[in-house]
Amino acid sequence: MTLESKLSKIRDYAKEKFPPENREYMAGEVAKLRESGILDKMIKLGDKLPAFSLQNERDETVTSEQLLANSGIVLTVFRGHW
């Protein structure tokens, strides 16, 4: 299944489950975000990330430089639960 077909399935589900006024409100807020220029500031595929450091599961600081010395980095961002 392609990403577009997965997203289409999510949109179809939202149409069934969310009232029209909620969907209209969300669409308006998304439009405001797009018009704000925020998308121009986001990291895009192929962009070089700035150096960073994070805590690992053992509470040790790990830097991007250390990780890149061994292999590439795949960065995944989860928005969490609101």
N, C-alpha and C. Protein backbone atom coordinates (compact mmCIF):
# COMPACT_ATOMS: atom_id res chain seq x y z
N MET A 1 0.85 -1.17 0.00
CA MET A 1 0.00 0.00 0.00
C MET A 1 0.90 1.25 0.00
N THR A 2 0.63 2.17 -0.89
CA THR A 2 1.43 3.40 -0.97
C THR A 2 1.05 4.37 0.14
N LEU A 3 1.92 5.34 0.39
CA LEU A 3 1.64 6.37 1.38
C LEU A 3 0.36 7.12 1.02
N GLU A 4 0.22 7.46 -0.24
CA GLU A 4 -0.97 8.21 -0.66
C GLU A 4 -2.25 7.42 -0.41
N SER A 5 -2.22 6.11 -0.66
CA SER A 5 -3.42 5.31 -0.42
C SER A 5 -3.71 5.20 1.08
N LYS A 6 -2.66 5.14 1.91
CA LYS A 6 -2.87 5.12 3.36
C LYS A 6 -3.48 6.44 3.83
N LEU A 7 -2.96 7.55 3.32
CA LEU A 7 -3.49 8.86 3.70
C LEU A 7 -4.93 9.02 3.22
N SER A 8 -5.22 8.52 2.06
CA SER A 8 -6.58 8.58 1.53
C SER A 8 -7.53 7.79 2.43
N LYS A 9 -7.09 6.66 2.91
CA LYS A 9 -7.90 5.84 3.81
C LYS A 9 -8.18 6.59 5.12
N ILE A 10 -7.17 7.28 5.63
CA ILE A 10 -7.33 8.08 6.85
C ILE A 10 -8.33 9.21 6.62
N ARG A 11 -8.23 9.89 5.47
CA ARG A 11 -9.17 10.97 5.15
C ARG A 11 -10.60 10.44 5.04
N ASP A 12 -10.76 9.29 4.40
CA ASP A 12 -12.09 8.70 4.27
C ASP A 12 -12.66 8.34 5.64
N TYR A 13 -11.83 7.80 6.52
CA TYR A 13 -12.27 7.47 7.88
C TYR A 13 -12.72 8.73 8.61
N ALA A 14 -11.94 9.81 8.49
CA ALA A 14 -12.27 11.07 9.15
C ALA A 14 -13.61 11.61 8.65
N LYS A 15 -13.88 11.46 7.36
CA LYS A 15 -15.15 11.93 6.81
C LYS A 15 -16.33 11.20 7.44
N GLU A 16 -16.12 9.93 7.77
CA GLU A 16 -17.19 9.13 8.38
C GLU A 16 -17.37 9.46 9.87
N LYS A 17 -16.27 9.72 10.55
CA LYS A 17 -16.31 9.80 12.01
C LYS A 17 -16.43 11.22 12.57
N PHE A 18 -15.93 12.23 11.86
CA PHE A 18 -15.92 13.59 12.38
C PHE A 18 -17.03 14.42 11.76
N PRO A 19 -17.74 15.21 12.56
CA PRO A 19 -18.79 16.07 12.02
C PRO A 19 -18.20 17.07 11.02
N PRO A 20 -18.99 17.48 10.03
CA PRO A 20 -18.50 18.42 9.01
C PRO A 20 -17.90 19.70 9.60
N GLU A 21 -18.52 20.24 10.66
CA GLU A 21 -17.99 21.49 11.23
C GLU A 21 -16.60 21.29 11.84
N ASN A 22 -16.34 20.10 12.38
CA ASN A 22 -15.00 19.82 12.91
C ASN A 22 -13.98 19.72 11.78
N ARG A 23 -14.37 19.04 10.71
CA ARG A 23 -13.46 18.90 9.56
C ARG A 23 -13.18 20.26 8.93
N GLU A 24 -14.20 21.11 8.84
CA GLU A 24 -14.01 22.46 8.28
C GLU A 24 -13.07 23.28 9.15
N TYR A 25 -13.24 23.17 10.46
CA TYR A 25 -12.37 23.90 11.38
C TYR A 25 -10.92 23.44 11.22
N MET A 26 -10.71 22.12 11.20
CA MET A 26 -9.35 21.58 11.05
C MET A 26 -8.74 22.01 9.72
N ALA A 27 -9.52 21.96 8.65
CA ALA A 27 -9.01 22.37 7.34
C ALA A 27 -8.61 23.85 7.36
N GLY A 28 -9.41 24.68 8.03
CA GLY A 28 -9.08 26.09 8.15
C GLY A 28 -7.79 26.32 8.91
N GLU A 29 -7.59 25.57 9.98
CA GLU A 29 -6.36 25.71 10.78
C GLU A 29 -5.14 25.23 9.99
N VAL A 30 -5.29 24.17 9.23
CA VAL A 30 -4.20 23.69 8.38
C VAL A 30 -3.85 24.74 7.33
N ALA A 31 -4.87 25.35 6.74
CA ALA A 31 -4.64 26.41 5.74
C ALA A 31 -3.88 27.58 6.37
N LYS A 32 -4.23 27.95 7.60
CA LYS A 32 -3.52 29.04 8.29
C LYS A 32 -2.05 28.69 8.49
N LEU A 33 -1.80 27.44 8.88
CA LEU A 33 -0.41 27.02 9.06
C LEU A 33 0.37 27.10 7.75
N ARG A 34 -0.24 26.62 6.67
CA ARG A 34 0.44 26.67 5.37
C ARG A 34 0.72 28.11 4.95
N GLU A 35 -0.26 29.00 5.16
CA GLU A 35 -0.10 30.40 4.78
C GLU A 35 0.92 31.13 5.65
N SER A 36 1.17 30.62 6.85
CA SER A 36 2.11 31.27 7.76
C SER A 36 3.56 31.14 7.30
N GLY A 37 3.84 30.23 6.38
CA GLY A 37 5.21 30.02 5.93
C GLY A 37 5.96 29.00 6.75
N ILE A 38 5.30 28.37 7.69
CA ILE A 38 5.97 27.40 8.56
C ILE A 38 6.54 26.22 7.77
N LEU A 39 5.89 25.85 6.68
CA LEU A 39 6.39 24.73 5.89
C LEU A 39 7.74 25.02 5.25
N ASP A 40 8.04 26.31 5.02
CA ASP A 40 9.33 26.68 4.45
C ASP A 40 10.47 26.44 5.43
N LYS A 41 10.15 26.34 6.72
CA LYS A 41 11.17 26.18 7.76
C LYS A 41 11.38 24.73 8.18
N MET A 42 10.51 23.83 7.73
CA MET A 42 10.63 22.45 8.18
C MET A 42 11.75 21.70 7.46
N ILE A 43 12.22 20.67 8.11
CA ILE A 43 13.27 19.83 7.54
C ILE A 43 12.65 19.04 6.39
N LYS A 44 13.36 19.03 5.27
CA LYS A 44 12.87 18.32 4.10
C LYS A 44 13.79 17.14 3.77
N LEU A 45 13.28 16.21 3.04
CA LEU A 45 14.05 15.04 2.63
C LEU A 45 15.35 15.49 1.99
N GLY A 46 16.46 14.97 2.48
CA GLY A 46 17.77 15.29 1.93
C GLY A 46 18.46 16.46 2.60
N ASP A 47 17.74 17.21 3.45
CA ASP A 47 18.37 18.33 4.18
C ASP A 47 19.40 17.79 5.15
N LYS A 48 20.44 18.58 5.36
CA LYS A 48 21.46 18.23 6.34
C LYS A 48 21.00 18.77 7.70
N LEU A 49 20.96 17.90 8.69
CA LEU A 49 20.53 18.31 10.03
C LEU A 49 21.68 18.97 10.77
N PRO A 50 21.36 19.91 11.66
CA PRO A 50 22.41 20.44 12.52
C PRO A 50 22.85 19.36 13.50
N ALA A 51 24.05 19.51 14.05
CA ALA A 51 24.54 18.55 15.05
C ALA A 51 23.59 18.56 16.24
N PHE A 52 23.42 17.38 16.85
CA PHE A 52 22.54 17.28 18.01
C PHE A 52 23.05 16.23 18.97
N SER A 53 22.52 16.27 20.19
CA SER A 53 22.81 15.24 21.18
C SER A 53 21.50 14.87 21.88
N LEU A 54 21.39 13.59 22.22
CA LEU A 54 20.19 13.06 22.87
C LEU A 54 20.61 12.07 23.94
N GLN A 55 19.69 11.80 24.85
CA GLN A 55 19.92 10.78 25.87
C GLN A 55 19.44 9.44 25.32
N ASN A 56 20.24 8.39 25.53
CA ASN A 56 19.80 7.06 25.12
C ASN A 56 19.06 6.38 26.27
N GLU A 57 18.71 5.12 26.08
CA GLU A 57 17.92 4.41 27.08
C GLU A 57 18.67 4.18 28.39
N ARG A 58 20.01 4.34 28.37
CA ARG A 58 20.83 4.21 29.60
C ARG A 58 21.17 5.58 30.19
N ASP A 59 20.46 6.62 29.70
CA ASP A 59 20.66 7.99 30.16
C ASP A 59 22.06 8.53 29.84
N GLU A 60 22.66 8.00 28.79
CA GLU A 60 23.97 8.47 28.33
C GLU A 60 23.73 9.44 27.18
N THR A 61 24.55 10.48 27.11
CA THR A 61 24.45 11.43 26.01
C THR A 61 25.12 10.84 24.77
N VAL A 62 24.39 10.84 23.68
CA VAL A 62 24.89 10.35 22.39
C VAL A 62 24.79 11.50 21.40
N THR A 63 25.86 11.75 20.66
CA THR A 63 25.85 12.86 19.70
C THR A 63 25.63 12.33 18.29
N SER A 64 25.15 13.20 17.44
CA SER A 64 24.97 12.83 16.03
C SER A 64 26.32 12.48 15.41
N GLU A 65 27.36 13.16 15.85
CA GLU A 65 28.71 12.88 15.33
C GLU A 65 29.12 11.44 15.64
N GLN A 66 28.84 10.99 16.86
CA GLN A 66 29.16 9.61 17.24
C GLN A 66 28.37 8.62 16.38
N LEU A 67 27.11 8.90 16.20
CA LEU A 67 26.27 8.00 15.41
C LEU A 67 26.72 7.94 13.96
N LEU A 68 27.05 9.09 13.41
CA LEU A 68 27.47 9.14 12.00
C LEU A 68 28.82 8.49 11.78
N ALA A 69 29.62 8.37 12.82
CA ALA A 69 30.92 7.70 12.69
C ALA A 69 30.73 6.22 12.42
N ASN A 70 29.60 5.66 12.86
CA ASN A 70 29.34 4.22 12.70
C ASN A 70 28.44 3.90 11.52
N SER A 71 27.50 4.80 11.23
CA SER A 71 26.53 4.53 10.15
C SER A 71 25.72 5.78 9.88
N GLY A 72 24.72 5.65 9.04
CA GLY A 72 23.81 6.76 8.78
C GLY A 72 22.80 6.88 9.91
N ILE A 73 22.02 7.94 9.86
CA ILE A 73 21.00 8.16 10.87
C ILE A 73 19.64 8.24 10.19
N VAL A 74 18.67 7.55 10.76
CA VAL A 74 17.28 7.68 10.34
C VAL A 74 16.57 8.38 11.47
N LEU A 75 16.05 9.56 11.21
CA LEU A 75 15.38 10.35 12.23
C LEU A 75 13.87 10.21 12.07
N THR A 76 13.22 9.76 13.13
CA THR A 76 11.77 9.62 13.13
C THR A 76 11.22 10.49 14.24
N VAL A 77 10.21 11.30 13.91
CA VAL A 77 9.63 12.19 14.89
C VAL A 77 8.18 11.77 15.14
N PHE A 78 7.87 11.54 16.40
CA PHE A 78 6.51 11.21 16.79
C PHE A 78 5.93 12.41 17.51
N ARG A 79 4.73 12.81 17.18
CA ARG A 79 4.12 13.97 17.80
C ARG A 79 3.59 13.67 19.19
N GLY A 80 3.52 12.43 19.56
CA GLY A 80 2.99 12.08 20.87
C GLY A 80 1.48 12.06 20.85
N HIS A 81 0.90 12.02 22.02
CA HIS A 81 -0.55 11.98 22.15
C HIS A 81 -1.01 13.28 22.80
N TRP A 82 -1.90 13.99 22.15
CA TRP A 82 -2.33 15.30 22.66
C TRP A 82 -3.48 15.13 23.58
